[in-house]
């Protein structure tokens, strides 16, 4: 899936993520930092480099677009 740009962040998932059996999630990237967040409950699976205050901002952004990201995940899953 192409990643969406939301503010300074690239947000999306990889096609192999859908096939892996993992719950729906997105990767959020900026510069050399990456965060993975589960879409069902908006918990952070891992954070590689973001400070706590920016992590909170990212969660707020993903919360705002949660329904759209879940719909994209499901649409991609339905194609396979």
C-alpha atoms as a PDB file:
ATOM      1  CA  UNK A   1       0.000   0.000   0.000  1.00  0.00           C
ATOM      2  CA  UNK A   2       1.301   3.414  -0.706  1.00  0.00           C
ATOM      3  CA  UNK A   3       1.849   5.400   2.416  1.00  0.00           C
ATOM      4  CA  UNK A   4      -0.246   8.503   3.037  1.00  0.00           C
ATOM      5  CA  UNK A   5       1.381  11.767   4.025  1.00  0.00           C
ATOM      6  CA  UNK A   6      -0.252  13.383   7.053  1.00  0.00           C
ATOM      7  CA  UNK A   7       1.640  16.471   8.132  1.00  0.00           C
ATOM      8  CA  UNK A   8       5.293  15.465   8.527  1.00  0.00           C
ATOM      9  CA  UNK A   9       4.453  11.749   8.788  1.00  0.00           C
ATOM     10  CA  UNK A  10       4.248   8.903   6.288  1.00  0.00           C
ATOM     11  CA  UNK A  11       1.552   6.500   7.499  1.00  0.00           C
ATOM     12  CA  UNK A  12       0.583   3.141   6.047  1.00  0.00           C
ATOM     13  CA  UNK A  13       1.190  -0.591   6.029  1.00  0.00           C
ATOM     14  CA  UNK A  14       3.038  -3.076   3.900  1.00  0.00           C
ATOM     15  CA  UNK A  15       1.269  -5.723   1.838  1.00  0.00           C
ATOM     16  CA  UNK A  16       3.039  -8.498   3.722  1.00  0.00           C
ATOM     17  CA  UNK A  17       1.612  -7.087   6.955  1.00  0.00           C
ATOM     18  CA  UNK A  18      -1.878  -8.059   5.831  1.00  0.00           C
ATOM     19  CA  UNK A  19      -0.726 -11.597   4.968  1.00  0.00           C
ATOM     20  CA  UNK A  20       1.190 -12.028   8.232  1.00  0.00           C
ATOM     21  CA  UNK A  21      -1.884 -12.583  10.373  1.00  0.00           C
ATOM     22  CA  UNK A  22      -1.063  -9.603  12.570  1.00  0.00           C
ATOM     23  CA  UNK A  23      -3.936  -7.371  13.662  1.00  0.00           C
ATOM     24  CA  UNK A  24      -4.559  -4.242  11.574  1.00  0.00           C
ATOM     25  CA  UNK A  25      -1.867  -1.652  12.186  1.00  0.00           C
ATOM     26  CA  UNK A  26       0.024   1.205  10.594  1.00  0.00           C
ATOM     27  CA  UNK A  27       3.647   2.218  10.501  1.00  0.00           C
ATOM     28  CA  UNK A  28       4.321   5.906  11.074  1.00  0.00           C
ATOM     29  CA  UNK A  29       7.619   7.278   9.787  1.00  0.00           C
ATOM     30  CA  UNK A  30       9.447  10.571   9.861  1.00  0.00           C
ATOM     31  CA  UNK A  31      13.129  11.027   9.162  1.00  0.00           C
ATOM     32  CA  UNK A  32      14.808   7.874  10.521  1.00  0.00           C
ATOM     33  CA  UNK A  33      12.126   7.198  13.120  1.00  0.00           C
ATOM     34  CA  UNK A  34       9.338   4.638  13.028  1.00  0.00           C
ATOM     35  CA  UNK A  35       6.365   3.777  15.198  1.00  0.00           C
ATOM     36  CA  UNK A  36       3.950   0.885  14.781  1.00  0.00           C
ATOM     37  CA  UNK A  37       0.462   1.263  16.207  1.00  0.00           C
ATOM     38  CA  UNK A  38      -2.392  -1.246  16.374  1.00  0.00           C
ATOM     39  CA  UNK A  39      -5.543   0.189  14.832  1.00  0.00           C
ATOM     40  CA  UNK A  40      -8.087  -1.700  16.924  1.00  0.00           C
ATOM     41  CA  UNK A  41      -7.079  -0.240  20.271  1.00  0.00           C
ATOM     42  CA  UNK A  42      -4.523   2.426  19.257  1.00  0.00           C
ATOM     43  CA  UNK A  43      -1.729   0.963  21.367  1.00  0.00           C
ATOM     44  CA  UNK A  44       1.877   1.363  20.314  1.00  0.00           C
ATOM     45  CA  UNK A  45       3.578  -1.909  19.389  1.00  0.00           C
ATOM     46  CA  UNK A  46       7.003  -0.332  19.023  1.00  0.00           C
ATOM     47  CA  UNK A  47       8.566   3.095  18.930  1.00  0.00           C
ATOM     48  CA  UNK A  48      11.950   3.532  17.326  1.00  0.00           C
ATOM     49  CA  UNK A  49      13.101   7.088  17.969  1.00  0.00           C
ATOM     50  CA  UNK A  50      10.053   9.253  18.649  1.00  0.00           C
ATOM     51  CA  UNK A  51       9.971  11.168  21.934  1.00  0.00           C
ATOM     52  CA  UNK A  52       6.981  10.674  24.215  1.00  0.00           C
ATOM     53  CA  UNK A  53       5.365  14.014  23.367  1.00  0.00           C
ATOM     54  CA  UNK A  54       5.578  13.292  19.639  1.00  0.00           C
ATOM     55  CA  UNK A  55       4.274   9.759  20.197  1.00  0.00           C
ATOM     56  CA  UNK A  56       1.154  11.309  21.738  1.00  0.00           C
ATOM     57  CA  UNK A  57       0.753  13.569  18.692  1.00  0.00           C
ATOM     58  CA  UNK A  58       1.049  10.554  16.390  1.00  0.00           C
ATOM     59  CA  UNK A  59      -1.586   8.659  18.347  1.00  0.00           C
ATOM     60  CA  UNK A  60      -3.897  11.671  17.988  1.00  0.00           C
ATOM     61  CA  UNK A  61      -3.311  11.747  14.211  1.00  0.00           C
ATOM     62  CA  UNK A  62      -3.912   8.013  13.833  1.00  0.00           C
ATOM     63  CA  UNK A  63      -7.030   8.314  16.006  1.00  0.00           C
ATOM     64  CA  UNK A  64      -8.350  11.011  13.678  1.00  0.00           C
ATOM     65  CA  UNK A  65      -7.850   8.779  10.626  1.00  0.00           C
ATOM     66  CA  UNK A  66      -8.411   5.406  12.307  1.00  0.00           C
ATOM     67  CA  UNK A  67     -11.569   4.549  10.350  1.00  0.00           C
ATOM     68  CA  UNK A  68      -9.907   5.346   7.015  1.00  0.00           C
ATOM     69  CA  UNK A  69      -6.817   3.268   7.815  1.00  0.00           C
ATOM     70  CA  UNK A  70      -8.968   0.332   8.943  1.00  0.00           C
ATOM     71  CA  UNK A  71     -11.021   0.599   5.738  1.00  0.00           C
ATOM     72  CA  UNK A  72      -7.838   0.553   3.634  1.00  0.00           C
ATOM     73  CA  UNK A  73      -6.563  -2.480   5.542  1.00  0.00           C
ATOM     74  CA  UNK A  74      -9.845  -4.343   4.988  1.00  0.00           C
ATOM     75  CA  UNK A  75     -10.053  -3.320   1.325  1.00  0.00           C
ATOM     76  CA  UNK A  76      -6.527  -4.591   0.730  1.00  0.00           C
ATOM     77  CA  UNK A  77      -7.309  -7.817   2.601  1.00  0.00           C
ATOM     78  CA  UNK A  78     -10.417  -8.340   0.466  1.00  0.00           C
ATOM     79  CA  UNK A  79      -8.339  -8.103  -2.737  1.00  0.00           C
ATOM     80  CA  UNK A  80      -6.143 -11.049  -1.813  1.00  0.00           C
END
